[in-house]
Amino acid sequence: MSKDDKEDKSTRDTHYATLRRAVRDAKRERGEIPTPPLKRPKSNKDWKPPQLQPEQVFLYGLHTVRAALDNPERKLIKLSVTQNAFARLDIGEPETLSFPVEFVSPQDIDKVLGPEA
């Protein structure tokens, strides 16, 4: 397949996608297919902040966490991190660090930080 064939195909695909959207939208206007409900933002009324010890804080975000790890005056209690974030921090193996490392899912972090974070 030549480069020109690829360009023609993508143009054709875009054209057909536009036609499919137009047909779908017309069916929705006539009531032939249902309109999907709007996605609403997550409610934060069910979220409660975690109970912290005095002088304990949660830090999140790659740059913030990296700065905290590099700060010799900060007392590190535990690092809760996703596999992806741990790889991006590039701080070595978890067994060699002077603080415990807990691998969590992004949903676990969202539960602690709340929907607004």
PDB file of N, CA and C in Angstrom:
ATOM      1  N   MET A   1       0.859  -1.180   0.000  1.00  0.00           N
ATOM      2  CA  MET A   1       0.000   0.000   0.000  1.00  0.00           C
ATOM      3  C   MET A   1       0.901   1.237   0.000  1.00  0.00           C
ATOM      4  N   SER A   2       0.643   2.152  -0.886  1.00  0.00           N
ATOM      5  CA  SER A   2       1.464   3.342  -0.989  1.00  0.00           C
ATOM      6  C   SER A   2       0.971   4.414  -0.020  1.00  0.00           C
ATOM      7  N   LYS A   3       1.764   5.458   0.119  1.00  0.00           N
ATOM      8  CA  LYS A   3       1.412   6.557   1.014  1.00  0.00           C
ATOM      9  C   LYS A   3       0.115   7.234   0.567  1.00  0.00           C
ATOM     10  N   ASP A   4      -0.083   7.361  -0.774  1.00  0.00           N
ATOM     11  CA  ASP A   4      -1.305   7.989  -1.283  1.00  0.00           C
ATOM     12  C   ASP A   4      -2.540   7.176  -0.938  1.00  0.00           C
ATOM     13  N   ASP A   5      -2.417   5.833  -0.955  1.00  0.00           N
ATOM     14  CA  ASP A   5      -3.548   4.983  -0.595  1.00  0.00           C
ATOM     15  C   ASP A   5      -3.948   5.203   0.861  1.00  0.00           C
ATOM     16  N   LYS A   6      -2.965   5.356   1.745  1.00  0.00           N
ATOM     17  CA  LYS A   6      -3.258   5.589   3.165  1.00  0.00           C
ATOM     18  C   LYS A   6      -3.976   6.914   3.360  1.00  0.00           C
ATOM     19  N   GLU A   7      -3.527   7.952   2.655  1.00  0.00           N
ATOM     20  CA  GLU A   7      -4.162   9.259   2.790  1.00  0.00           C
ATOM     21  C   GLU A   7      -5.594   9.220   2.273  1.00  0.00           C
ATOM     22  N   ASP A   8      -5.823   8.532   1.129  1.00  0.00           N
ATOM     23  CA  ASP A   8      -7.180   8.428   0.590  1.00  0.00           C
ATOM     24  C   ASP A   8      -8.079   7.674   1.546  1.00  0.00           C
ATOM     25  N   LYS A   9      -7.552   6.612   2.152  1.00  0.00           N
ATOM     26  CA  LYS A   9      -8.356   5.815   3.068  1.00  0.00           C
ATOM     27  C   LYS A   9      -8.762   6.633   4.291  1.00  0.00           C
ATOM     28  N   SER A  10      -7.833   7.394   4.874  1.00  0.00           N
ATOM     29  CA  SER A  10      -8.173   8.175   6.059  1.00  0.00           C
ATOM     30  C   SER A  10      -9.175   9.274   5.718  1.00  0.00           C
ATOM     31  N   THR A  11      -9.075   9.870   4.544  1.00  0.00           N
ATOM     32  CA  THR A  11     -10.037  10.879   4.113  1.00  0.00           C
ATOM     33  C   THR A  11     -11.405  10.240   3.931  1.00  0.00           C
ATOM     34  N   ARG A  12     -11.431   9.065   3.320  1.00  0.00           N
ATOM     35  CA  ARG A  12     -12.678   8.353   3.107  1.00  0.00           C
ATOM     36  C   ARG A  12     -13.294   7.961   4.455  1.00  0.00           C
ATOM     37  N   ASP A  13     -12.454   7.450   5.387  1.00  0.00           N
ATOM     38  CA  ASP A  13     -12.958   7.070   6.700  1.00  0.00           C
ATOM     39  C   ASP A  13     -13.557   8.266   7.426  1.00  0.00           C
ATOM     40  N   THR A  14     -12.905   9.404   7.337  1.00  0.00           N
ATOM     41  CA  THR A  14     -13.414  10.613   7.980  1.00  0.00           C
ATOM     42  C   THR A  14     -14.753  11.018   7.371  1.00  0.00           C
ATOM     43  N   HIS A  15     -14.864  10.909   6.054  1.00  0.00           N
ATOM     44  CA  HIS A  15     -16.110  11.262   5.380  1.00  0.00           C
ATOM     45  C   HIS A  15     -17.247  10.345   5.824  1.00  0.00           C
ATOM     46  N   TYR A  16     -16.972   9.032   5.867  1.00  0.00           N
ATOM     47  CA  TYR A  16     -18.011   8.082   6.280  1.00  0.00           C
ATOM     48  C   TYR A  16     -18.370   8.252   7.758  1.00  0.00           C
ATOM     49  N   ALA A  17     -17.396   8.582   8.573  1.00  0.00           N
ATOM     50  CA  ALA A  17     -17.687   8.822   9.994  1.00  0.00           C
ATOM     51  C   ALA A  17     -18.613  10.026  10.141  1.00  0.00           C
ATOM     52  N   THR A  18     -18.388  11.057   9.353  1.00  0.00           N
ATOM     53  CA  THR A  18     -19.254  12.242   9.375  1.00  0.00           C
ATOM     54  C   THR A  18     -20.669  11.878   8.943  1.00  0.00           C
ATOM     55  N   LEU A  19     -20.781  11.070   7.902  1.00  0.00           N
ATOM     56  CA  LEU A  19     -22.106  10.639   7.443  1.00  0.00           C
ATOM     57  C   LEU A  19     -22.817   9.792   8.500  1.00  0.00           C
ATOM     58  N   ARG A  20     -22.082   8.876   9.134  1.00  0.00           N
ATOM     59  CA  ARG A  20     -22.688   8.040  10.176  1.00  0.00           C
ATOM     60  C   ARG A  20     -23.198   8.889  11.342  1.00  0.00           C
ATOM     61  N   ARG A  21     -22.417   9.895  11.747  1.00  0.00           N
ATOM     62  CA  ARG A  21     -22.859  10.794  12.829  1.00  0.00           C
ATOM     63  C   ARG A  21     -24.113  11.555  12.431  1.00  0.00           C
ATOM     64  N   ALA A  22     -24.170  12.020  11.193  1.00  0.00           N
ATOM     65  CA  ALA A  22     -25.335  12.777  10.723  1.00  0.00           C
ATOM     66  C   ALA A  22     -26.586  11.899  10.737  1.00  0.00           C
ATOM     67  N   VAL A  23     -26.457  10.649  10.291  1.00  0.00           N
ATOM     68  CA  VAL A  23     -27.601   9.727  10.296  1.00  0.00           C
ATOM     69  C   VAL A  23     -28.028   9.441  11.730  1.00  0.00           C
ATOM     70  N   ARG A  24     -27.070   9.180  12.616  1.00  0.00           N
ATOM     71  CA  ARG A  24     -27.373   8.907  14.027  1.00  0.00           C
ATOM     72  C   ARG A  24     -28.074  10.100  14.677  1.00  0.00           C
ATOM     73  N   ASP A  25     -27.572  11.309  14.441  1.00  0.00           N
ATOM     74  CA  ASP A  25     -28.183  12.504  15.033  1.00  0.00           C
ATOM     75  C   ASP A  25     -29.599  12.727  14.516  1.00  0.00           C
ATOM     76  N   ALA A  26     -29.818  12.455  13.226  1.00  0.00           N
ATOM     77  CA  ALA A  26     -31.166  12.597  12.659  1.00  0.00           C
ATOM     78  C   ALA A  26     -32.123  11.594  13.304  1.00  0.00           C
ATOM     79  N   LYS A  27     -31.667  10.367  13.527  1.00  0.00           N
ATOM     80  CA  LYS A  27     -32.515   9.364  14.199  1.00  0.00           C
ATOM     81  C   LYS A  27     -32.848   9.788  15.621  1.00  0.00           C
ATOM     82  N   ARG A  28     -31.884  10.386  16.311  1.00  0.00           N
ATOM     83  CA  ARG A  28     -32.146  10.855  17.680  1.00  0.00           C
ATOM     84  C   ARG A  28     -33.201  11.956  17.682  1.00  0.00           C
ATOM     85  N   GLU A  29     -33.107  12.876  16.725  1.00  0.00           N
ATOM     86  CA  GLU A  29     -34.083  13.966  16.647  1.00  0.00           C
ATOM     87  C   GLU A  29     -35.486  13.442  16.383  1.00  0.00           C
ATOM     88  N   ARG A  30     -35.595  12.376  15.594  1.00  0.00           N
ATOM     89  CA  ARG A  30     -36.907  11.793  15.299  1.00  0.00           C
ATOM     90  C   ARG A  30     -37.377  10.869  16.423  1.00  0.00           C
ATOM     91  N   GLY A  31     -36.520  10.590  17.404  1.00  0.00           N
ATOM     92  CA  GLY A  31     -36.893   9.725  18.513  1.00  0.00           C
ATOM     93  C   GLY A  31     -36.763   8.251  18.214  1.00  0.00           C
ATOM     94  N   GLU A  32     -36.064   7.901  17.146  1.00  0.00           N
ATOM     95  CA  GLU A  32     -35.910   6.494  16.785  1.00  0.00           C
ATOM     96  C   GLU A  32     -34.885   5.778  17.661  1.00  0.00           C
ATOM     97  N   ILE A  33     -33.924   6.508  18.173  1.00  0.00           N
ATOM     98  CA  ILE A  33     -32.962   5.924  19.110  1.00  0.00           C
ATOM     99  C   ILE A  33     -32.870   6.853  20.315  1.00  0.00           C
ATOM    100  N   PRO A  34     -32.617   6.301  21.497  1.00  0.00           N
ATOM    101  CA  PRO A  34     -32.585   7.143  22.696  1.00  0.00           C
ATOM    102  C   PRO A  34     -31.341   8.026  22.744  1.00  0.00           C
ATOM    103  N   THR A  35     -31.481   9.146  23.394  1.00  0.00           N
ATOM    104  CA  THR A  35     -30.350  10.034  23.633  1.00  0.00           C
ATOM    105  C   THR A  35     -29.663   9.574  24.908  1.00  0.00           C
ATOM    106  N   PRO A  36     -28.351   9.367  24.875  1.00  0.00           N
ATOM    107  CA  PRO A  36     -27.672   8.915  26.094  1.00  0.00           C
ATOM    108  C   PRO A  36     -27.744   9.991  27.175  1.00  0.00           C
ATOM    109  N   PRO A  37     -27.829   9.585  28.434  1.00  0.00           N
ATOM    110  CA  PRO A  37     -27.877  10.580  29.507  1.00  0.00           C
ATOM    111  C   PRO A  37     -26.557  11.344  29.597  1.00  0.00           C
ATOM    112  N   LEU A  38     -26.647  12.578  30.051  1.00  0.00           N
ATOM    113  CA  LEU A  38     -25.443  13.387  30.217  1.00  0.00           C
ATOM    114  C   LEU A  38     -24.628  12.842  31.371  1.00  0.00           C
ATOM    115  N   LYS A  39     -23.313  12.843  31.205  1.00  0.00           N
ATOM    116  CA  LYS A  39     -22.447  12.414  32.296  1.00  0.00           C
ATOM    117  C   LYS A  39     -22.382  13.552  33.307  1.00  0.00           C
ATOM    118  N   ARG A  40     -22.706  13.225  34.510  1.00  0.00           N
ATOM    119  CA  ARG A  40     -22.683  14.234  35.573  1.00  0.00           C
ATOM    120  C   ARG A  40     -21.412  14.075  36.393  1.00  0.00           C
ATOM    121  N   PRO A  41     -20.902  15.174  36.908  1.00  0.00           N
ATOM    122  CA  PRO A  41     -19.702  15.056  37.727  1.00  0.00           C
ATOM    123  C   PRO A  41     -19.992  14.241  38.985  1.00  0.00           C
ATOM    124  N   LYS A  42     -18.962  13.559  39.455  1.00  0.00           N
ATOM    125  CA  LYS A  42     -19.115  12.752  40.658  1.00  0.00           C
ATOM    126  C   LYS A  42     -19.496  13.641  41.832  1.00  0.00           C
ATOM    127  N   SER A  43     -20.391  13.133  42.613  1.00  0.00           N
ATOM    128  CA  SER A  43     -20.816  13.875  43.790  1.00  0.00           C
ATOM    129  C   SER A  43     -19.796  13.683  44.902  1.00  0.00           C
ATOM    130  N   ASN A  44     -19.478  14.735  45.606  1.00  0.00           N
ATOM    131  CA  ASN A  44     -18.534  14.615  46.710  1.00  0.00           C
ATOM    132  C   ASN A  44     -19.235  14.579  48.058  1.00  0.00           C
ATOM    133  N   LYS A  45     -20.571  14.445  48.078  1.00  0.00           N
ATOM    134  CA  LYS A  45     -21.284  14.434  49.356  1.00  0.00           C
ATOM    135  C   LYS A  45     -21.044  13.147  50.133  1.00  0.00           C
ATOM    136  N   ASP A  46     -20.680  12.038  49.443  1.00  0.00           N
ATOM    137  CA  ASP A  46     -20.417  10.776  50.128  1.00  0.00           C
ATOM    138  C   ASP A  46     -18.975  10.666  50.617  1.00  0.00           C
ATOM    139  N   TRP A  47     -18.098  11.531  50.134  1.00  0.00           N
ATOM    140  CA  TRP A  47     -16.689  11.443  50.479  1.00  0.00           C
ATOM    141  C   TRP A  47     -16.422  12.091  51.827  1.00  0.00           C
ATOM    142  N   LYS A  48     -15.635  11.399  52.641  1.00  0.00           N
ATOM    143  CA  LYS A  48     -15.219  11.954  53.927  1.00  0.00           C
ATOM    144  C   LYS A  48     -13.691  11.939  53.967  1.00  0.00           C
ATOM    145  N   PRO A  49     -13.076  13.023  54.428  1.00  0.00           N
ATOM    146  CA  PRO A  49     -11.613  13.068  54.454  1.00  0.00           C
ATOM    147  C   PRO A  49     -11.051  12.037  55.436  1.00  0.00           C
ATOM    148  N   PRO A  50      -9.855  11.515  55.154  1.00  0.00           N
ATOM    149  CA  PRO A  50      -9.259  10.535  56.069  1.00  0.00           C
ATOM    150  C   PRO A  50      -8.840  11.178  57.384  1.00  0.00           C
ATOM    151  N   GLN A  51      -8.803  10.368  58.414  1.00  0.00           N
ATOM    152  CA  GLN A  51      -8.358  10.852  59.727  1.00  0.00           C
ATOM    153  C   GLN A  51      -6.825  10.869  59.742  1.00  0.00           C
ATOM    154  N   LEU A  52      -6.258  12.048  59.948  1.00  0.00           N
ATOM    155  CA  LEU A  52      -4.808  12.214  59.945  1.00  0.00           C
ATOM    156  C   LEU A  52      -4.293  12.408  61.361  1.00  0.00           C
ATOM    157  N   GLN A  53      -3.071  11.963  61.564  1.00  0.00           N
ATOM    158  CA  GLN A  53      -2.387  12.220  62.827  1.00  0.00           C
ATOM    159  C   GLN A  53      -1.924  13.681  62.825  1.00  0.00           C
ATOM    160  N   PRO A  54      -1.665  14.275  63.992  1.00  0.00           N
ATOM    161  CA  PRO A  54      -1.145  15.644  64.004  1.00  0.00           C
ATOM    162  C   PRO A  54       0.143  15.743  63.175  1.00  0.00           C
ATOM    163  N   GLU A  55       0.246  16.786  62.422  1.00  0.00           N
ATOM    164  CA  GLU A  55       1.385  17.076  61.556  1.00  0.00           C
ATOM    165  C   GLU A  55       1.549  16.051  60.429  1.00  0.00           C
ATOM    166  N   GLN A  56       0.500  15.306  60.093  1.00  0.00           N
ATOM    167  CA  GLN A  56       0.553  14.364  58.982  1.00  0.00           C
ATOM    168  C   GLN A  56      -0.197  14.959  57.809  1.00  0.00           C
ATOM    169  N   VAL A  57       0.370  14.835  56.627  1.00  0.00           N
ATOM    170  CA  VAL A  57      -0.278  15.332  55.414  1.00  0.00           C
ATOM    171  C   VAL A  57      -0.151  14.281  54.317  1.00  0.00           C
ATOM    172  N   PHE A  58      -1.086  14.350  53.377  1.00  0.00           N
ATOM    173  CA  PHE A  58      -1.005  13.540  52.168  1.00  0.00           C
ATOM    174  C   PHE A  58      -0.536  14.440  51.048  1.00  0.00           C
ATOM    175  N   LEU A  59       0.494  14.017  50.336  1.00  0.00           N
ATOM    176  CA  LEU A  59       0.969  14.753  49.172  1.00  0.00           C
ATOM    177  C   LEU A  59       0.691  13.909  47.941  1.00  0.00           C
ATOM    178  N   TYR A  60       0.284  14.543  46.858  1.00  0.00           N
ATOM    179  CA  TYR A  60       0.039  13.811  45.623  1.00  0.00           C
ATOM    180  C   TYR A  60       0.488  14.631  44.439  1.00  0.00           C
ATOM    181  N   GLY A  61       0.760  13.936  43.354  1.00  0.00           N
ATOM    182  CA  GLY A  61       1.295  14.571  42.146  1.00  0.00           C
ATOM    183  C   GLY A  61       2.777  14.254  42.041  1.00  0.00           C
ATOM    184  N   LEU A  62       3.229  13.946  40.849  1.00  0.00           N
ATOM    185  CA  LEU A  62       4.615  13.509  40.663  1.00  0.00           C
ATOM    186  C   LEU A  62       5.641  14.531  41.149  1.00  0.00           C
ATOM    187  N   HIS A  63       5.457  15.788  40.783  1.00  0.00           N
ATOM    188  CA  HIS A  63       6.449  16.804  41.152  1.00  0.00           C
ATOM    189  C   HIS A  63       6.460  17.041  42.656  1.00  0.00           C
ATOM    190  N   THR A  64       5.302  17.071  43.266  1.00  0.00           N
ATOM    191  CA  THR A  64       5.209  17.285  44.716  1.00  0.00           C
ATOM    192  C   THR A  64       5.841  16.129  45.469  1.00  0.00           C
ATOM    193  N   VAL A  65       5.526  14.925  45.061  1.00  0.00           N
ATOM    194  CA  VAL A  65       6.073  13.743  45.738  1.00  0.00           C
ATOM    195  C   VAL A  65       7.575  13.661  45.531  1.00  0.00           C
ATOM    196  N   ARG A  66       8.046  13.957  44.334  1.00  0.00           N
ATOM    197  CA  ARG A  66       9.490  13.925  44.085  1.00  0.00           C
ATOM    198  C   ARG A  66      10.210  14.951  44.977  1.00  0.00           C
ATOM    199  N   ALA A  67       9.640  16.145  45.118  1.00  0.00           N
ATOM    200  CA  ALA A  67      10.247  17.167  45.978  1.00  0.00           C
ATOM    201  C   ALA A  67      10.267  16.700  47.434  1.00  0.00           C
ATOM    202  N   ALA A  68       9.200  16.054  47.879  1.00  0.00           N
ATOM    203  CA  ALA A  68       9.155  15.555  49.257  1.00  0.00           C
ATOM    204  C   ALA A  68      10.192  14.456  49.472  1.00  0.00           C
ATOM    205  N   LEU A  69      10.346  13.574  48.495  1.00  0.00           N
ATOM    206  CA  LEU A  69      11.333  12.501  48.615  1.00  0.00           C
ATOM    207  C   LEU A  69      12.757  13.054  48.644  1.00  0.00           C
ATOM    208  N   ASP A  70      12.994  14.144  47.933  1.00  0.00           N
ATOM    209  CA  ASP A  70      14.326  14.745  47.885  1.00  0.00           C
ATOM    210  C   ASP A  70      14.625  15.632  49.095  1.00  0.00           C
ATOM    211  N   ASN A  71      13.620  15.943  49.902  1.00  0.00           N
ATOM    212  CA  ASN A  71      13.789  16.823  51.057  1.00  0.00           C
ATOM    213  C   ASN A  71      14.282  16.006  52.253  1.00  0.00           C
ATOM    214  N   PRO A  72      15.530  16.213  52.715  1.00  0.00           N
ATOM    215  CA  PRO A  72      16.056  15.407  53.820  1.00  0.00           C
ATOM    216  C   PRO A  72      15.380  15.711  55.166  1.00  0.00           C
ATOM    217  N   GLU A  73      14.715  16.838  55.288  1.00  0.00           N
ATOM    218  CA  GLU A  73      14.072  17.188  56.556  1.00  0.00           C
ATOM    219  C   GLU A  73      12.651  16.651  56.678  1.00  0.00           C
ATOM    220  N   ARG A  74      12.124  16.058  55.620  1.00  0.00           N
ATOM    221  CA  ARG A  74      10.764  15.525  55.656  1.00  0.00           C
ATOM    222  C   ARG A  74      10.796  14.097  56.183  1.00  0.00           C
ATOM    223  N   LYS A  75       9.912  13.806  57.134  1.00  0.00           N
ATOM    224  CA  LYS A  75       9.793  12.451  57.667  1.00  0.00           C
ATOM    225  C   LYS A  75       8.784  11.698  56.817  1.00  0.00           C
ATOM    226  N   LEU A  76       9.235  10.648  56.165  1.00  0.00           N
ATOM    227  CA  LEU A  76       8.378   9.871  55.276  1.00  0.00           C
ATOM    228  C   LEU A  76       7.790   8.691  56.045  1.00  0.00           C
ATOM    229  N   ILE A  77       6.478   8.607  56.049  1.00  0.00           N
ATOM    230  CA  ILE A  77       5.787   7.531  56.761  1.00  0.00           C
ATOM    231  C   ILE A  77       5.563   6.354  55.826  1.00  0.00           C
ATOM    232  N   LYS A  78       5.006   6.631  54.658  1.00  0.00           N
ATOM    233  CA  LYS A  78       4.691   5.579  53.693  1.00  0.00           C
ATOM    234  C   LYS A  78       4.479   6.225  52.338  1.00  0.00           C
ATOM    235  N   LEU A  79       4.826   5.496  51.289  1.00  0.00           N
ATOM    236  CA  LEU A  79       4.581   5.948  49.931  1.00  0.00           C
ATOM    237  C   LEU A  79       3.522   5.038  49.335  1.00  0.00           C
ATOM    238  N   SER A  80       2.332   5.584  49.107  1.00  0.00           N
ATOM    239  CA  SER A  80       1.277   4.861  48.397  1.00  0.00           C
ATOM    240  C   SER A  80       1.324   5.350  46.962  1.00  0.00           C
ATOM    241  N   VAL A  81       1.577   4.432  46.040  1.00  0.00           N
ATOM    242  CA  VAL A  81       1.875   4.835  44.676  1.00  0.00           C
ATOM    243  C   VAL A  81       1.347   3.791  43.696  1.00  0.00           C
ATOM    244  N   THR A  82       0.984   4.247  42.506  1.00  0.00           N
ATOM    245  CA  THR A  82       0.614   3.307  41.443  1.00  0.00           C
ATOM    246  C   THR A  82       1.899   2.791  40.798  1.00  0.00           C
ATOM    247  N   GLN A  83       1.779   1.673  40.104  1.00  0.00           N
ATOM    248  CA  GLN A  83       2.949   1.105  39.412  1.00  0.00           C
ATOM    249  C   GLN A  83       3.519   2.111  38.417  1.00  0.00           C
ATOM    250  N   ASN A  84       2.640   2.786  37.674  1.00  0.00           N
ATOM    251  CA  ASN A  84       3.061   3.753  36.663  1.00  0.00           C
ATOM    252  C   ASN A  84       3.799   4.925  37.311  1.00  0.00           C
ATOM    253  N   ALA A  85       3.246   5.473  38.389  1.00  0.00           N
ATOM    254  CA  ALA A  85       3.884   6.615  39.050  1.00  0.00           C
ATOM    255  C   ALA A  85       5.225   6.213  39.653  1.00  0.00           C
ATOM    256  N   PHE A  86       5.314   5.002  40.212  1.00  0.00           N
ATOM    257  CA  PHE A  86       6.579   4.545  40.786  1.00  0.00           C
ATOM    258  C   PHE A  86       7.660   4.471  39.710  1.00  0.00           C
ATOM    259  N   ALA A  87       7.288   3.960  38.551  1.00  0.00           N
ATOM    260  CA  ALA A  87       8.255   3.890  37.449  1.00  0.00           C
ATOM    261  C   ALA A  87       8.678   5.292  37.015  1.00  0.00           C
ATOM    262  N   ARG A  88       7.740   6.227  36.996  1.00  0.00           N
ATOM    263  CA  ARG A  88       8.069   7.592  36.565  1.00  0.00           C
ATOM    264  C   ARG A  88       8.903   8.341  37.610  1.00  0.00           C
ATOM    265  N   LEU A  89       8.737   7.999  38.889  1.00  0.00           N
ATOM    266  CA  LEU A  89       9.549   8.637  39.924  1.00  0.00           C
ATOM    267  C   LEU A  89      11.012   8.205  39.826  1.00  0.00           C
ATOM    268  N   ASP A  90      11.250   6.973  39.357  1.00  0.00           N
ATOM    269  CA  ASP A  90      12.599   6.452  39.151  1.00  0.00           C
ATOM    270  C   ASP A  90      13.453   6.627  40.408  1.00  0.00           C
ATOM    271  N   ILE A  91      13.005   5.998  41.516  1.00  0.00           N
ATOM    272  CA  ILE A  91      13.708   6.135  42.796  1.00  0.00           C
ATOM    273  C   ILE A  91      14.350   4.831  43.251  1.00  0.00           C
ATOM    274  N   GLY A  92      14.426   3.851  42.385  1.00  0.00           N
ATOM    275  CA  GLY A  92      15.062   2.591  42.748  1.00  0.00           C
ATOM    276  C   GLY A  92      14.044   1.509  43.048  1.00  0.00           C
ATOM    277  N   GLU A  93      14.524   0.453  43.653  1.00  0.00           N
ATOM    278  CA  GLU A  93      13.666  -0.678  44.008  1.00  0.00           C
ATOM    279  C   GLU A  93      12.967  -0.411  45.336  1.00  0.00           C
ATOM    280  N   PRO A  94      11.717  -0.848  45.489  1.00  0.00           N
ATOM    281  CA  PRO A  94      10.984  -0.587  46.734  1.00  0.00           C
ATOM    282  C   PRO A  94      11.661  -1.189  47.963  1.00  0.00           C
ATOM    283  N   GLU A  95      12.328  -2.323  47.798  1.00  0.00           N
ATOM    284  CA  GLU A  95      12.972  -2.986  48.942  1.00  0.00           C
ATOM    285  C   GLU A  95      14.163  -2.202  49.474  1.00  0.00           C
ATOM    286  N   THR A  96      14.787  -1.375  48.651  1.00  0.00           N
ATOM    287  CA  THR A  96      15.990  -0.655  49.059  1.00  0.00           C
ATOM    288  C   THR A  96      15.690   0.705  49.685  1.00  0.00           C
ATOM    289  N   LEU A  97      14.423   1.127  49.688  1.00  0.00           N
ATOM    290  CA  LEU A  97      14.071   2.442  50.217  1.00  0.00           C
ATOM    291  C   LEU A  97      13.936   2.390  51.738  1.00  0.00           C
ATOM    292  N   SER A  98      14.115   3.540  52.372  1.00  0.00           N
ATOM    293  CA  SER A  98      14.080   3.618  53.839  1.00  0.00           C
ATOM    294  C   SER A  98      12.667   3.774  54.392  1.00  0.00           C
ATOM    295  N   PHE A  99      11.669   3.700  53.572  1.00  0.00           N
ATOM    296  CA  PHE A  99      10.271   3.829  53.995  1.00  0.00           C
ATOM    297  C   PHE A  99       9.457   2.774  53.261  1.00  0.00           C
ATOM    298  N   PRO A 100       8.311   2.382  53.834  1.00  0.00           N
ATOM    299  CA  PRO A 100       7.501   1.366  53.161  1.00  0.00           C
ATOM    300  C   PRO A 100       6.832   1.910  51.904  1.00  0.00           C
ATOM    301  N   VAL A 101       6.708   1.045  50.894  1.00  0.00           N
ATOM    302  CA  VAL A 101       6.054   1.395  49.637  1.00  0.00           C
ATOM    303  C   VAL A 101       4.836   0.490  49.480  1.00  0.00           C
ATOM    304  N   GLU A 102       3.684   1.120  49.247  1.00  0.00           N
ATOM    305  CA  GLU A 102       2.438   0.384  49.042  1.00  0.00           C
ATOM    306  C   GLU A 102       1.950   0.686  47.631  1.00  0.00           C
ATOM    307  N   PHE A 103       1.774  -0.358  46.827  1.00  0.00           N
ATOM    308  CA  PHE A 103       1.272  -0.173  45.472  1.00  0.00           C
ATOM    309  C   PHE A 103      -0.248  -0.232  45.506  1.00  0.00           C
ATOM    310  N   VAL A 104      -0.877   0.802  44.948  1.00  0.00           N
ATOM    311  CA  VAL A 104      -2.335   0.928  44.966  1.00  0.00           C
ATOM    312  C   VAL A 104      -2.831   1.220  43.555  1.00  0.00           C
ATOM    313  N   SER A 105      -4.141   1.144  43.386  1.00  0.00           N
ATOM    314  CA  SER A 105      -4.747   1.491  42.101  1.00  0.00           C
ATOM    315  C   SER A 105      -5.103   2.979  42.103  1.00  0.00           C
ATOM    316  N   PRO A 106      -5.286   3.577  40.944  1.00  0.00           N
ATOM    317  CA  PRO A 106      -5.706   4.980  40.902  1.00  0.00           C
ATOM    318  C   PRO A 106      -7.038   5.207  41.637  1.00  0.00           C
ATOM    319  N   GLN A 107      -7.933   4.215  41.608  1.00  0.00           N
ATOM    320  CA  GLN A 107      -9.215   4.349  42.302  1.00  0.00           C
ATOM    321  C   GLN A 107      -9.018   4.418  43.814  1.00  0.00           C
ATOM    322  N   ASP A 108      -8.035   3.695  44.343  1.00  0.00           N
ATOM    323  CA  ASP A 108      -7.747   3.760  45.774  1.00  0.00           C
ATOM    324  C   ASP A 108      -7.285   5.159  46.173  1.00  0.00           C
ATOM    325  N   ILE A 109      -6.475   5.773  45.333  1.00  0.00           N
ATOM    326  CA  ILE A 109      -6.010   7.131  45.611  1.00  0.00           C
ATOM    327  C   ILE A 109      -7.169   8.113  45.541  1.00  0.00           C
ATOM    328  N   ASP A 110      -8.049   7.936  44.574  1.00  0.00           N
ATOM    329  CA  ASP A 110      -9.224   8.807  44.461  1.00  0.00           C
ATOM    330  C   ASP A 110     -10.103   8.730  45.702  1.00  0.00           C
ATOM    331  N   LYS A 111     -10.221   7.552  46.307  1.00  0.00           N
ATOM    332  CA  LYS A 111     -11.040   7.396  47.511  1.00  0.00           C
ATOM    333  C   LYS A 111     -10.477   8.208  48.665  1.00  0.00           C
ATOM    334  N   VAL A 112      -9.155   8.280  48.759  1.00  0.00           N
ATOM    335  CA  VAL A 112      -8.529   9.020  49.848  1.00  0.00           C
ATOM    336  C   VAL A 112      -8.559  10.519  49.585  1.00  0.00           C
ATOM    337  N   LEU A 113      -8.237  10.921  48.362  1.00  0.00           N
ATOM    338  CA  LEU A 113      -8.119  12.348  48.040  1.00  0.00           C
ATOM    339  C   LEU A 113      -9.459  13.020  47.782  1.00  0.00           C
ATOM    340  N   GLY A 114     -10.452  12.255  47.378  1.00  0.00           N
ATOM    341  CA  GLY A 114     -11.750  12.832  47.085  1.00  0.00           C
ATOM    342  C   GLY A 114     -11.894  13.200  45.627  1.00  0.00           C
ATOM    343  N   PRO A 115     -13.122  13.465  45.200  1.00  0.00           N
ATOM    344  CA  PRO A 115     -13.388  13.722  43.793  1.00  0.00           C
ATOM    345  C   PRO A 115     -12.887  15.067  43.288  1.00  0.00           C
ATOM    346  N   GLU A 116     -12.582  15.985  44.149  1.00  0.00           N
ATOM    347  CA  GLU A 116     -12.159  17.322  43.717  1.00  0.00           C
ATOM    348  C   GLU A 116     -10.669  17.402  43.403  1.00  0.00           C
ATOM    349  N   ALA A 117      -9.893  16.395  43.824  1.00  0.00           N
ATOM    350  CA  ALA A 117      -8.426  16.436  43.657  1.00  0.00           C
ATOM    351  C   ALA A 117      -8.045  16.153  42.216  1.00  0.00           C
TER     352      ALA A 117
END
